[in-house]
């Protein structure tokens, strides 16, 4: 069942990414997609699975978010 859910979310991701490419360059859109996916994975693993969230993960998450902000402003 979780495989079907993952497949459905992947399909939604592809459709939304293709829609985003109508108004963004690939060189900006893809790093934002990858970085935000990584950030959401860290937060979800903490909330859903109770994984520890030590300071170095906070720092890494902050760096990813700062990178996404810089990329978004460059476009």
PDB file of N, CA and C in Angstrom:
ATOM      1  N   UNK A   1       0.819  -1.200   0.000  1.00  0.00           N
ATOM      2  CA  UNK A   1       0.000   0.000   0.000  1.00  0.00           C
ATOM      3  C   UNK A   1       0.864   1.266   0.000  1.00  0.00           C
ATOM      4  N   UNK A   2       1.956   1.246   0.793  1.00  0.00           N
ATOM      5  CA  UNK A   2       2.809   2.437   0.837  1.00  0.00           C
ATOM      6  C   UNK A   2       3.516   2.668  -0.499  1.00  0.00           C
ATOM      7  N   UNK A   3       3.769   1.580  -1.240  1.00  0.00           N
ATOM      8  CA  UNK A   3       4.373   1.738  -2.560  1.00  0.00           C
ATOM      9  C   UNK A   3       3.440   2.508  -3.488  1.00  0.00           C
ATOM     10  N   UNK A   4       2.161   2.189  -3.439  1.00  0.00           N
ATOM     11  CA  UNK A   4       1.170   2.878  -4.265  1.00  0.00           C
ATOM     12  C   UNK A   4       1.096   4.357  -3.874  1.00  0.00           C
ATOM     13  N   UNK A   5       1.121   4.632  -2.575  1.00  0.00           N
ATOM     14  CA  UNK A   5       1.107   6.019  -2.112  1.00  0.00           C
ATOM     15  C   UNK A   5       2.337   6.785  -2.580  1.00  0.00           C
ATOM     16  N   UNK A   6       3.500   6.134  -2.484  1.00  0.00           N
ATOM     17  CA  UNK A   6       4.734   6.761  -2.952  1.00  0.00           C
ATOM     18  C   UNK A   6       4.713   7.020  -4.443  1.00  0.00           C
ATOM     19  N   UNK A   7       4.170   6.078  -5.178  1.00  0.00           N
ATOM     20  CA  UNK A   7       4.057   6.238  -6.626  1.00  0.00           C
ATOM     21  C   UNK A   7       3.114   7.383  -6.978  1.00  0.00           C
ATOM     22  N   UNK A   8       2.017   7.497  -6.236  1.00  0.00           N
ATOM     23  CA  UNK A   8       1.068   8.583  -6.480  1.00  0.00           C
ATOM     24  C   UNK A   8       1.710   9.937  -6.198  1.00  0.00           C
ATOM     25  N   UNK A   9       2.416  10.045  -5.083  1.00  0.00           N
ATOM     26  CA  UNK A   9       3.082  11.307  -4.762  1.00  0.00           C
ATOM     27  C   UNK A   9       4.165  11.642  -5.780  1.00  0.00           C
ATOM     28  N   UNK A  10       4.870  10.633  -6.281  1.00  0.00           N
ATOM     29  CA  UNK A  10       5.876  10.875  -7.308  1.00  0.00           C
ATOM     30  C   UNK A  10       5.223  11.421  -8.572  1.00  0.00           C
ATOM     31  N   UNK A  11       4.070  10.856  -8.947  1.00  0.00           N
ATOM     32  CA  UNK A  11       3.346  11.347 -10.120  1.00  0.00           C
ATOM     33  C   UNK A  11       2.910  12.790  -9.962  1.00  0.00           C
ATOM     34  N   UNK A  12       2.411  13.128  -8.776  1.00  0.00           N
ATOM     35  CA  UNK A  12       2.021  14.515  -8.493  1.00  0.00           C
ATOM     36  C   UNK A  12       3.244  15.420  -8.573  1.00  0.00           C
ATOM     37  N   UNK A  13       4.366  14.942  -8.052  1.00  0.00           N
ATOM     38  CA  UNK A  13       5.609  15.709  -8.085  1.00  0.00           C
ATOM     39  C   UNK A  13       6.021  16.008  -9.526  1.00  0.00           C
ATOM     40  N   UNK A  14       5.960  15.017 -10.389  1.00  0.00           N
ATOM     41  CA  UNK A  14       6.350  15.207 -11.794  1.00  0.00           C
ATOM     42  C   UNK A  14       5.443  16.228 -12.473  1.00  0.00           C
ATOM     43  N   UNK A  15       4.139  16.126 -12.241  1.00  0.00           N
ATOM     44  CA  UNK A  15       3.202  17.060 -12.858  1.00  0.00           C
ATOM     45  C   UNK A  15       3.448  18.487 -12.367  1.00  0.00           C
ATOM     46  N   UNK A  16       3.622  18.660 -11.063  1.00  0.00           N
ATOM     47  CA  UNK A  16       3.871  19.999 -10.516  1.00  0.00           C
ATOM     48  C   UNK A  16       5.209  20.566 -10.980  1.00  0.00           C
ATOM     49  N   UNK A  17       6.222  19.697 -11.082  1.00  0.00           N
ATOM     50  CA  UNK A  17       7.527  20.157 -11.558  1.00  0.00           C
ATOM     51  C   UNK A  17       7.435  20.601 -13.014  1.00  0.00           C
ATOM     52  N   UNK A  18       6.718  19.845 -13.829  1.00  0.00           N
ATOM     53  CA  UNK A  18       6.547  20.228 -15.231  1.00  0.00           C
ATOM     54  C   UNK A  18       5.814  21.560 -15.337  1.00  0.00           C
ATOM     55  N   UNK A  19       4.830  21.776 -14.474  1.00  0.00           N
ATOM     56  CA  UNK A  19       4.101  23.052 -14.461  1.00  0.00           C
ATOM     57  C   UNK A  19       5.025  24.194 -14.036  1.00  0.00           C
ATOM     58  N   UNK A  20       5.901  23.928 -13.057  1.00  0.00           N
ATOM     59  CA  UNK A  20       6.829  24.958 -12.601  1.00  0.00           C
ATOM     60  C   UNK A  20       7.813  25.345 -13.700  1.00  0.00           C
ATOM     61  N   UNK A  21       8.146  24.403 -14.564  1.00  0.00           N
ATOM     62  CA  UNK A  21       9.089  24.705 -15.646  1.00  0.00           C
ATOM     63  C   UNK A  21       8.509  25.659 -16.676  1.00  0.00           C
ATOM     64  N   UNK A  22       7.209  25.866 -16.650  1.00  0.00           N
ATOM     65  CA  UNK A  22       6.608  26.869 -17.533  1.00  0.00           C
ATOM     66  C   UNK A  22       7.065  28.277 -17.173  1.00  0.00           C
ATOM     67  N   UNK A  23       7.378  28.495 -15.894  1.00  0.00           N
ATOM     68  CA  UNK A  23       7.729  29.846 -15.460  1.00  0.00           C
ATOM     69  C   UNK A  23       9.127  29.959 -14.869  1.00  0.00           C
ATOM     70  N   UNK A  24       9.882  28.874 -14.836  1.00  0.00           N
ATOM     71  CA  UNK A  24      11.238  28.898 -14.266  1.00  0.00           C
ATOM     72  C   UNK A  24      12.209  28.191 -15.191  1.00  0.00           C
ATOM     73  N   UNK A  25      13.476  28.515 -14.999  1.00  0.00           N
ATOM     74  CA  UNK A  25      14.524  27.805 -15.711  1.00  0.00           C
ATOM     75  C   UNK A  25      14.837  26.511 -14.966  1.00  0.00           C
ATOM     76  N   UNK A  26      15.256  25.494 -15.699  1.00  0.00           N
ATOM     77  CA  UNK A  26      15.591  24.215 -15.082  1.00  0.00           C
ATOM     78  C   UNK A  26      16.738  24.375 -14.093  1.00  0.00           C
ATOM     79  N   UNK A  27      17.691  25.240 -14.393  1.00  0.00           N
ATOM     80  CA  UNK A  27      18.851  25.421 -13.518  1.00  0.00           C
ATOM     81  C   UNK A  27      18.465  26.018 -12.167  1.00  0.00           C
ATOM     82  N   UNK A  28      17.299  26.596 -12.067  1.00  0.00           N
ATOM     83  CA  UNK A  28      16.806  27.121 -10.797  1.00  0.00           C
ATOM     84  C   UNK A  28      15.780  26.164 -10.192  1.00  0.00           C
ATOM     85  N   UNK A  29      14.903  25.623 -11.010  1.00  0.00           N
ATOM     86  CA  UNK A  29      13.804  24.788 -10.511  1.00  0.00           C
ATOM     87  C   UNK A  29      14.294  23.480  -9.908  1.00  0.00           C
ATOM     88  N   UNK A  30      15.249  22.815 -10.549  1.00  0.00           N
ATOM     89  CA  UNK A  30      15.669  21.508 -10.042  1.00  0.00           C
ATOM     90  C   UNK A  30      16.375  21.599  -8.694  1.00  0.00           C
ATOM     91  N   UNK A  31      17.329  22.507  -8.506  1.00  0.00           N
ATOM     92  CA  UNK A  31      17.931  22.598  -7.164  1.00  0.00           C
ATOM     93  C   UNK A  31      16.916  22.942  -6.075  1.00  0.00           C
ATOM     94  N   UNK A  32      15.928  23.748  -6.404  1.00  0.00           N
ATOM     95  CA  UNK A  32      14.877  24.056  -5.427  1.00  0.00           C
ATOM     96  C   UNK A  32      14.084  22.792  -5.113  1.00  0.00           C
ATOM     97  N   UNK A  33      13.754  22.012  -6.127  1.00  0.00           N
ATOM     98  CA  UNK A  33      13.031  20.761  -5.926  1.00  0.00           C
ATOM     99  C   UNK A  33      13.840  19.803  -5.051  1.00  0.00           C
ATOM    100  N   UNK A  34      15.102  19.619  -5.388  1.00  0.00           N
ATOM    101  CA  UNK A  34      15.934  18.677  -4.642  1.00  0.00           C
ATOM    102  C   UNK A  34      16.175  19.149  -3.215  1.00  0.00           C
ATOM    103  N   UNK A  35      16.472  20.415  -3.047  1.00  0.00           N
ATOM    104  CA  UNK A  35      16.733  20.946  -1.705  1.00  0.00           C
ATOM    105  C   UNK A  35      15.511  20.930  -0.812  1.00  0.00           C
ATOM    106  N   UNK A  36      14.375  21.299  -1.361  1.00  0.00           N
ATOM    107  CA  UNK A  36      13.165  21.307  -0.542  1.00  0.00           C
ATOM    108  C   UNK A  36      12.739  19.885  -0.195  1.00  0.00           C
ATOM    109  N   UNK A  37      12.958  18.941  -1.106  1.00  0.00           N
ATOM    110  CA  UNK A  37      12.660  17.538  -0.811  1.00  0.00           C
ATOM    111  C   UNK A  37      13.526  17.017   0.325  1.00  0.00           C
ATOM    112  N   UNK A  38      14.788  17.381   0.313  1.00  0.00           N
ATOM    113  CA  UNK A  38      15.712  16.992   1.375  1.00  0.00           C
ATOM    114  C   UNK A  38      15.282  17.593   2.706  1.00  0.00           C
ATOM    115  N   UNK A  39      14.910  18.859   2.697  1.00  0.00           N
ATOM    116  CA  UNK A  39      14.476  19.528   3.925  1.00  0.00           C
ATOM    117  C   UNK A  39      13.201  18.893   4.474  1.00  0.00           C
ATOM    118  N   UNK A  40      12.246  18.592   3.598  1.00  0.00           N
ATOM    119  CA  UNK A  40      11.001  17.975   4.052  1.00  0.00           C
ATOM    120  C   UNK A  40      11.241  16.571   4.596  1.00  0.00           C
ATOM    121  N   UNK A  41      12.211  15.856   4.031  1.00  0.00           N
ATOM    122  CA  UNK A  41      12.552  14.524   4.515  1.00  0.00           C
ATOM    123  C   UNK A  41      13.102  14.577   5.931  1.00  0.00           C
ATOM    124  N   UNK A  42      13.950  15.548   6.222  1.00  0.00           N
ATOM    125  CA  UNK A  42      14.500  15.694   7.564  1.00  0.00           C
ATOM    126  C   UNK A  42      13.389  15.964   8.574  1.00  0.00           C
ATOM    127  N   UNK A  43      12.521  16.879   8.251  1.00  0.00           N
ATOM    128  CA  UNK A  43      11.429  17.234   9.169  1.00  0.00           C
ATOM    129  C   UNK A  43      10.458  16.059   9.333  1.00  0.00           C
ATOM    130  N   UNK A  44      10.116  15.384   8.241  1.00  0.00           N
ATOM    131  CA  UNK A  44       9.191  14.257   8.315  1.00  0.00           C
ATOM    132  C   UNK A  44       9.781  13.100   9.111  1.00  0.00           C
ATOM    133  N   UNK A  45      11.069  12.834   8.940  1.00  0.00           N
ATOM    134  CA  UNK A  45      11.676  11.740   9.698  1.00  0.00           C
ATOM    135  C   UNK A  45      11.681  12.042  11.190  1.00  0.00           C
ATOM    136  N   UNK A  46      11.815  13.304  11.543  1.00  0.00           N
ATOM    137  CA  UNK A  46      11.737  13.701  12.953  1.00  0.00           C
ATOM    138  C   UNK A  46      10.313  13.545  13.488  1.00  0.00           C
ATOM    139  N   UNK A  47       9.338  14.030  12.727  1.00  0.00           N
ATOM    140  CA  UNK A  47       7.936  14.005  13.188  1.00  0.00           C
ATOM    141  C   UNK A  47       7.332  12.606  13.155  1.00  0.00           C
ATOM    142  N   UNK A  48       7.587  11.851  12.094  1.00  0.00           N
ATOM    143  CA  UNK A  48       6.932  10.558  11.919  1.00  0.00           C
ATOM    144  C   UNK A  48       7.672   9.436  12.641  1.00  0.00           C
ATOM    145  N   UNK A  49       9.005   9.408  12.491  1.00  0.00           N
ATOM    146  CA  UNK A  49       9.773   8.291  13.029  1.00  0.00           C
ATOM    147  C   UNK A  49      10.507   8.619  14.319  1.00  0.00           C
ATOM    148  N   UNK A  50      10.442   9.866  14.746  1.00  0.00           N
ATOM    149  CA  UNK A  50      11.097  10.253  15.991  1.00  0.00           C
ATOM    150  C   UNK A  50      12.618  10.228  15.928  1.00  0.00           C
ATOM    151  N   UNK A  51      13.172  10.392  14.732  1.00  0.00           N
ATOM    152  CA  UNK A  51      14.627  10.416  14.604  1.00  0.00           C
ATOM    153  C   UNK A  51      15.174  11.650  15.320  1.00  0.00           C
ATOM    154  N   UNK A  52      16.367  11.512  15.900  1.00  0.00           N
ATOM    155  CA  UNK A  52      16.946  12.671  16.599  1.00  0.00           C
ATOM    156  C   UNK A  52      17.240  13.822  15.637  1.00  0.00           C
ATOM    157  N   UNK A  53      17.209  15.010  16.171  1.00  0.00           N
ATOM    158  CA  UNK A  53      17.426  16.225  15.381  1.00  0.00           C
ATOM    159  C   UNK A  53      18.520  17.052  16.056  1.00  0.00           C
ATOM    160  N   UNK A  54      19.774  16.557  16.016  1.00  0.00           N
ATOM    161  CA  UNK A  54      20.871  17.260  16.686  1.00  0.00           C
ATOM    162  C   UNK A  54      21.231  18.569  15.985  1.00  0.00           C
ATOM    163  N   UNK A  55      22.058  19.370  16.636  1.00  0.00           N
ATOM    164  CA  UNK A  55      22.395  20.700  16.084  1.00  0.00           C
ATOM    165  C   UNK A  55      22.976  20.672  14.663  1.00  0.00           C
ATOM    166  N   UNK A  56      23.775  19.669  14.326  1.00  0.00           N
ATOM    167  CA  UNK A  56      24.350  19.663  12.979  1.00  0.00           C
ATOM    168  C   UNK A  56      23.273  19.472  11.914  1.00  0.00           C
ATOM    169  N   UNK A  57      22.171  18.804  12.244  1.00  0.00           N
ATOM    170  CA  UNK A  57      21.066  18.694  11.283  1.00  0.00           C
ATOM    171  C   UNK A  57      20.342  20.031  11.143  1.00  0.00           C
ATOM    172  N   UNK A  58      20.207  20.767  12.245  1.00  0.00           N
ATOM    173  CA  UNK A  58      19.616  22.117  12.180  1.00  0.00           C
ATOM    174  C   UNK A  58      20.450  23.003  11.266  1.00  0.00           C
ATOM    175  N   UNK A  59      21.768  22.928  11.444  1.00  0.00           N
ATOM    176  CA  UNK A  59      22.664  23.754  10.622  1.00  0.00           C
ATOM    177  C   UNK A  59      22.542  23.362   9.151  1.00  0.00           C
ATOM    178  N   UNK A  60      22.540  22.061   8.865  1.00  0.00           N
ATOM    179  CA  UNK A  60      22.390  21.604   7.488  1.00  0.00           C
ATOM    180  C   UNK A  60      21.072  22.023   6.877  1.00  0.00           C
ATOM    181  N   UNK A  61      19.994  21.914   7.650  1.00  0.00           N
ATOM    182  CA  UNK A  61      18.679  22.324   7.169  1.00  0.00           C
ATOM    183  C   UNK A  61      18.652  23.824   6.886  1.00  0.00           C
ATOM    184  N   UNK A  62      19.261  24.604   7.761  1.00  0.00           N
ATOM    185  CA  UNK A  62      19.316  26.056   7.557  1.00  0.00           C
ATOM    186  C   UNK A  62      20.104  26.392   6.285  1.00  0.00           C
ATOM    187  N   UNK A  63      21.212  25.693   6.053  1.00  0.00           N
ATOM    188  CA  UNK A  63      22.004  25.943   4.846  1.00  0.00           C
ATOM    189  C   UNK A  63      21.218  25.594   3.582  1.00  0.00           C
ATOM    190  N   UNK A  64      20.482  24.492   3.626  1.00  0.00           N
ATOM    191  CA  UNK A  64      19.660  24.118   2.475  1.00  0.00           C
ATOM    192  C   UNK A  64      18.614  25.191   2.206  1.00  0.00           C
ATOM    193  N   UNK A  65      17.943  25.641   3.254  1.00  0.00           N
ATOM    194  CA  UNK A  65      16.908  26.666   3.080  1.00  0.00           C
ATOM    195  C   UNK A  65      17.485  27.986   2.588  1.00  0.00           C
ATOM    196  N   UNK A  66      18.650  28.369   3.085  1.00  0.00           N
ATOM    197  CA  UNK A  66      19.305  29.592   2.602  1.00  0.00           C
ATOM    198  C   UNK A  66      19.662  29.434   1.123  1.00  0.00           C
ATOM    199  N   UNK A  67      20.142  28.264   0.730  1.00  0.00           N
ATOM    200  CA  UNK A  67      20.449  28.015  -0.677  1.00  0.00           C
ATOM    201  C   UNK A  67      19.220  28.120  -1.559  1.00  0.00           C
ATOM    202  N   UNK A  68      18.092  27.588  -1.088  1.00  0.00           N
ATOM    203  CA  UNK A  68      16.847  27.675  -1.844  1.00  0.00           C
ATOM    204  C   UNK A  68      16.422  29.137  -2.001  1.00  0.00           C
ATOM    205  N   UNK A  69      16.570  29.912  -0.935  1.00  0.00           N
ATOM    206  CA  UNK A  69      16.209  31.334  -1.002  1.00  0.00           C
ATOM    207  C   UNK A  69      17.082  32.068  -2.016  1.00  0.00           C
ATOM    208  N   UNK A  70      18.394  31.803  -1.994  1.00  0.00           N
ATOM    209  CA  UNK A  70      19.291  32.452  -2.955  1.00  0.00           C
ATOM    210  C   UNK A  70      18.932  32.060  -4.387  1.00  0.00           C
ATOM    211  N   UNK A  71      18.627  30.788  -4.613  1.00  0.00           N
ATOM    212  CA  UNK A  71      18.260  30.358  -5.958  1.00  0.00           C
ATOM    213  C   UNK A  71      16.957  30.986  -6.421  1.00  0.00           C
ATOM    214  N   UNK A  72      15.996  31.065  -5.524  1.00  0.00           N
ATOM    215  CA  UNK A  72      14.702  31.658  -5.883  1.00  0.00           C
ATOM    216  C   UNK A  72      14.844  33.135  -6.233  1.00  0.00           C
ATOM    217  N   UNK A  73      15.683  33.830  -5.509  1.00  0.00           N
ATOM    218  CA  UNK A  73      15.888  35.252  -5.789  1.00  0.00           C
ATOM    219  C   UNK A  73      16.705  35.482  -7.056  1.00  0.00           C
ATOM    220  N   UNK A  74      17.536  34.515  -7.413  1.00  0.00           N
ATOM    221  CA  UNK A  74      18.351  34.665  -8.628  1.00  0.00           C
ATOM    222  C   UNK A  74      17.483  34.578  -9.874  1.00  0.00           C
ATOM    223  N   UNK A  75      16.349  33.903  -9.753  1.00  0.00           N
ATOM    224  CA  UNK A  75      15.466  33.742 -10.913  1.00  0.00           C
ATOM    225  C   UNK A  75      14.605  34.933 -11.055  1.00  0.00           C
TER     226      UNK A  75
END
